[in-house]
Protein backbone atom coordinates (compact mmCIF):
# COMPACT_ATOMS: atom_id res chain seq x y z
CA MET A 1 79.92 252.32 292.15
CA LYS A 2 78.00 249.47 290.51
CA LEU A 3 75.38 251.94 289.26
CA GLU A 4 78.06 254.20 287.75
CA LEU A 5 79.68 251.24 286.01
CA LYS A 6 76.30 250.19 284.62
CA LEU A 7 75.52 253.68 283.32
CA ARG A 8 78.97 254.82 282.15
CA GLY A 9 80.85 251.63 281.35
CA THR A 10 84.55 252.24 280.74
CA LYS A 11 84.02 256.00 281.22
CA ALA A 12 83.31 255.38 284.91
CA SER A 13 85.73 256.84 287.46
CA LEU A 14 87.21 253.38 288.16
CA PHE A 15 88.58 253.32 284.62
CA ILE A 16 89.55 257.01 284.50
CA PHE A 17 91.22 257.42 287.90
CA HIS A 18 92.61 253.91 288.33
CA GLU A 19 93.49 253.40 284.66
CA PHE A 20 91.62 250.11 284.48
CA LEU A 21 91.44 248.47 281.05
CA GLU A 22 88.79 246.26 279.53
CA LYS A 23 89.82 243.21 277.50
CA LYS A 24 87.17 240.83 276.23
CA ASP A 25 85.28 239.72 279.36
CA SER A 26 87.99 240.77 281.81
CA ILE A 27 89.01 243.95 283.60
CA ILE A 28 92.76 244.46 283.83
CA ILE A 29 93.94 246.45 286.85
CA PRO A 30 97.35 248.11 287.28
CA ARG A 31 100.10 246.58 289.39
CA TRP A 32 99.44 247.44 293.04
CA ASP A 33 102.66 249.45 293.34
CA VAL A 34 101.42 251.90 290.67
CA TYR A 35 99.34 253.48 293.42
CA LEU A 36 102.49 254.43 295.32
CA GLU A 37 103.21 256.87 292.49
CA LEU A 38 100.00 258.67 293.43
CA ILE A 39 100.97 259.21 297.08
CA GLY A 40 101.37 262.92 297.63
CA THR A 41 98.60 263.77 295.14
CA PHE A 42 95.76 262.48 297.31
CA PRO A 43 93.46 265.00 299.02
CA LYS A 44 94.68 265.84 302.53
CA ALA A 45 91.60 264.17 303.96
CA TYR A 46 92.77 260.85 302.47
CA GLU A 47 96.25 261.22 303.96
CA SER A 48 94.86 261.82 307.43
CA GLN A 49 92.60 258.76 307.09
CA ILE A 50 95.57 256.59 306.04
CA MET A 51 97.63 257.76 309.01
CA SER A 52 94.70 257.31 311.37
CA ILE A 53 94.28 253.68 310.25
CA ARG A 54 98.06 253.15 310.52
CA ASN A 55 98.17 254.49 314.08
CA SER A 56 95.17 252.40 315.11
CA LEU A 57 96.83 249.24 313.81
CA ILE A 58 100.07 250.10 315.62
CA ASP A 59 98.14 250.58 318.86
CA TRP A 60 96.49 247.20 318.28
CA ALA A 61 99.76 245.43 317.52
CA ASP A 62 102.21 247.01 319.92
CA SER A 63 101.43 247.16 323.63
CA PRO A 64 103.06 250.11 325.45
CA ASP A 65 103.71 247.74 328.36
CA LYS A 66 105.85 245.40 326.24
CA GLU A 67 109.45 245.20 327.39
CA THR A 68 111.99 246.72 325.00
CA CYS A 69 115.76 247.05 324.92
CA GLY A 70 115.98 249.97 322.50
CA ALA A 71 115.29 250.34 318.80
CA TYR A 72 116.19 247.37 316.64
CA THR A 73 118.42 247.18 313.60
CA LEU A 74 116.10 244.78 311.80
CA ILE A 75 117.68 242.34 309.34
CA LEU A 76 115.08 240.71 307.11
CA LYS A 77 115.55 237.04 306.33
CA ARG A 78 113.35 235.68 303.57
CA SER A 79 111.25 232.76 304.76
CA ASP A 80 111.87 229.24 303.52
CA PRO A 81 109.30 227.61 301.21
CA PRO A 82 106.54 225.62 302.95
CA ASN A 83 107.44 222.04 303.78
CA SER A 84 106.04 219.08 301.88
CA THR A 85 104.01 217.82 304.85
CA LEU A 86 101.31 220.35 303.95
CA GLY A 87 100.64 218.48 300.72
CA LYS A 88 101.35 219.56 297.16
CA LYS A 89 97.81 220.80 296.48
CA SER A 90 97.79 223.00 299.60
CA ILE A 91 101.19 224.48 298.74
CA GLU A 92 100.19 225.26 295.14
CA THR A 93 96.97 226.92 296.34
CA ARG A 94 98.49 229.11 299.05
CA TRP A 95 102.01 229.99 297.84
CA LEU A 96 103.51 231.45 294.70
CA LYS A 97 106.06 229.42 292.81
CA GLY A 98 109.51 230.36 294.01
CA TYR A 99 108.38 231.56 297.44
CA GLY A 100 110.76 233.45 299.74
CA SER A 101 114.33 232.16 299.92
CA GLU A 102 113.68 229.84 296.97
CA ARG A 103 113.58 232.89 294.71
CA ARG A 104 116.35 235.02 296.27
CA GLN A 105 117.85 235.66 299.68
CA LEU A 106 120.53 237.60 301.49
CA GLN A 107 123.78 235.80 302.14
CA GLY A 108 125.93 236.64 305.16
CA ILE A 109 123.11 237.53 307.56
CA ASP A 110 124.62 235.70 310.53
CA SER A 111 128.04 237.33 310.19
CA LEU A 112 126.41 240.76 309.77
CA TYR A 113 124.42 240.13 312.94
CA GLN A 114 127.60 239.35 314.88
CA GLU A 115 129.40 242.47 313.65
CA LEU A 116 126.44 244.71 314.47
CA GLU A 117 126.05 243.12 317.89
CA LYS A 118 129.71 243.82 318.70
CA ARG A 119 129.05 247.50 318.00
CA ALA A 120 125.83 247.70 320.02
CA TYR A 121 123.51 248.25 317.03
CA ASN A 122 120.93 245.96 318.67
CA PRO A 123 120.44 243.69 315.62
CA PHE A 124 117.41 241.44 315.26
CA ILE A 125 116.99 238.85 312.47
CA PHE A 126 113.35 238.68 311.39
CA ALA A 127 111.66 236.39 308.84
CA SER A 128 108.42 238.21 307.99
CA GLY A 129 106.78 235.16 306.39
CA ASP A 130 107.04 233.26 309.67
CA HIS A 131 105.03 235.86 311.60
CA ASN A 132 101.46 237.12 311.58
CA LEU A 133 100.48 240.73 310.82
CA LYS A 134 100.45 241.78 314.46
CA GLU A 135 103.99 240.52 315.02
CA GLN A 136 105.23 242.15 311.81
CA ILE A 137 103.80 245.55 312.72
CA SER A 138 105.24 245.40 316.24
CA ALA A 139 108.75 244.38 315.12
CA HIS A 140 108.97 247.15 312.52
CA TYR A 141 107.45 249.81 314.74
CA ARG A 142 110.21 249.06 317.28
CA SER A 143 112.97 249.43 314.67
CA LYS A 144 114.89 252.45 313.38
CA THR A 145 116.97 250.61 310.77
CA LEU A 146 115.77 248.03 308.24
CA ILE A 147 118.12 245.91 306.10
CA GLY A 148 116.81 243.51 303.47
CA ILE A 149 117.01 242.25 299.92
CA ARG A 150 114.60 243.75 297.43
CA GLY A 151 111.18 242.17 297.94
CA ALA A 152 107.66 242.76 299.24
CA ASP A 153 108.65 242.29 302.89
CA LEU A 154 110.48 245.64 302.77
CA PHE A 155 107.11 247.38 302.51
CA ASN A 156 106.71 246.83 306.25
CA MET A 157 108.80 250.01 306.50
CA PHE A 158 105.35 251.64 306.55
CA TRP A 159 105.10 250.76 310.25
CA MET A 160 108.48 252.22 311.21
CA PRO A 161 108.88 255.62 312.92
CA SER A 162 109.47 258.51 310.52
CA ASN A 163 113.08 259.23 309.57
CA SER A 164 114.16 255.61 309.96
CA THR A 165 116.92 254.15 307.78
CA VAL A 166 116.05 251.60 305.07
CA ILE A 167 118.86 249.71 303.32
CA MET A 168 117.84 247.62 300.31
CA GLN A 169 120.23 245.15 298.70
CA ALA A 170 119.45 244.93 294.97
CA SER A 171 119.14 241.56 293.22
CA SER A 172 119.61 240.57 289.57
CA GLY A 173 116.71 239.30 287.52
CA LEU A 174 114.28 242.07 288.51
CA ILE A 175 113.61 244.35 285.56
CA ASN A 176 110.63 246.36 286.83
CA LYS A 177 111.16 249.64 288.65
CA ALA A 178 111.55 249.24 292.40
CA ALA A 179 108.65 250.72 294.37
CA GLN A 180 110.42 250.62 297.76
CA PRO A 181 112.19 254.01 297.28
CA ILE A 182 108.84 255.67 296.58
CA LEU A 183 107.30 254.41 299.80
CA ALA A 184 110.45 255.31 301.74
CA ARG A 185 110.29 258.91 300.52
CA CYS A 186 106.64 259.22 301.44
CA CYS A 187 107.24 257.73 304.90
CA GLY A 188 110.05 260.23 305.48
CA HIS A 189 112.73 257.52 305.69
CA GLN A 190 116.37 257.67 304.65
CA PHE A 191 116.66 255.15 301.79
CA TYR A 192 119.81 253.47 300.49
CA GLU A 193 120.17 250.92 297.72
CA ILE A 194 123.22 248.65 297.48
CA PRO A 195 123.77 247.57 293.86
CA HIS A 196 124.22 243.93 292.92
CA HIS A 197 126.98 242.53 290.73
CA GLY A 198 124.94 240.01 288.80
CA GLU A 199 123.89 237.85 291.78
CA LYS A 200 120.31 236.91 292.59
CA SER A 201 121.31 236.22 296.19
CA PRO A 202 124.12 238.68 297.01
CA ARG A 203 126.28 238.57 300.12
CA LEU A 204 126.02 241.48 302.54
CA ASN A 205 129.20 243.44 303.05
CA PHE A 206 129.55 244.69 306.61
CA GLU A 207 131.85 247.58 305.64
CA THR A 208 129.18 248.86 303.24
CA ILE A 209 126.48 248.62 305.91
CA LYS A 210 128.76 250.29 308.47
CA SER A 211 129.52 253.20 306.14
CA ILE A 212 125.79 253.76 305.60
CA LEU A 213 124.99 253.61 309.31
CA ASN A 214 127.88 255.99 310.02
CA GLY A 215 126.48 258.41 307.45
CA THR A 216 129.51 258.26 305.16
CA ARG A 217 127.85 256.74 302.10
CA ASN A 218 125.92 259.07 299.81
CA THR A 219 123.35 256.87 298.06
CA LYS A 220 120.23 258.33 299.61
CA THR A 221 117.02 258.87 297.69
CA PRO A 222 115.70 262.40 298.38
CA ASN A 223 112.84 262.36 300.88
CA HIS A 224 110.01 264.05 299.05
CA CYS A 225 106.82 262.96 297.31
């Protein structure tokens, strides 16, 4: 790759395939979610490699001997910002400004949990930022329904069994196109988006969630790549 860059410069495959740009002394790369648009156009050999790596990581993260009480309805809670005891310099180095719940969060998670529990949906509140990769993979692999506000933690849907249900609550202030529906289609999941009404941190409505889970709400994104 280094040799090709040296010989071909900006005509190298990195620039052609990945749409890299050169600006002064810097190379500008696309947003990471741009690559989701390319899923479905990869050679079949690539797809099998991706799934092989996925399955290996699931085997590593989720022991078949682990006790389970059925598939979870996973409710994602955005993690709180790091506490000040870490020191300002450490926080600025390791975390983005406006981390987790400081930027946006779901309201009404506890009441939703109670309503789902009454109806035997097996709810589980999960704050991804409080868990390591192994724990995140395991929790999502053991879930068939995922509920969360728009954010990067929803991309853990990748570890869920095919044909799971993903419910994303939209949030105001985000102007870029959401990439979550693209990944959901390519994972074979049923995807639903609940619109916001101008709030950055909207409150979940149980009746809306119930209608989706009962299959009576038609806001699905078609499952194709």
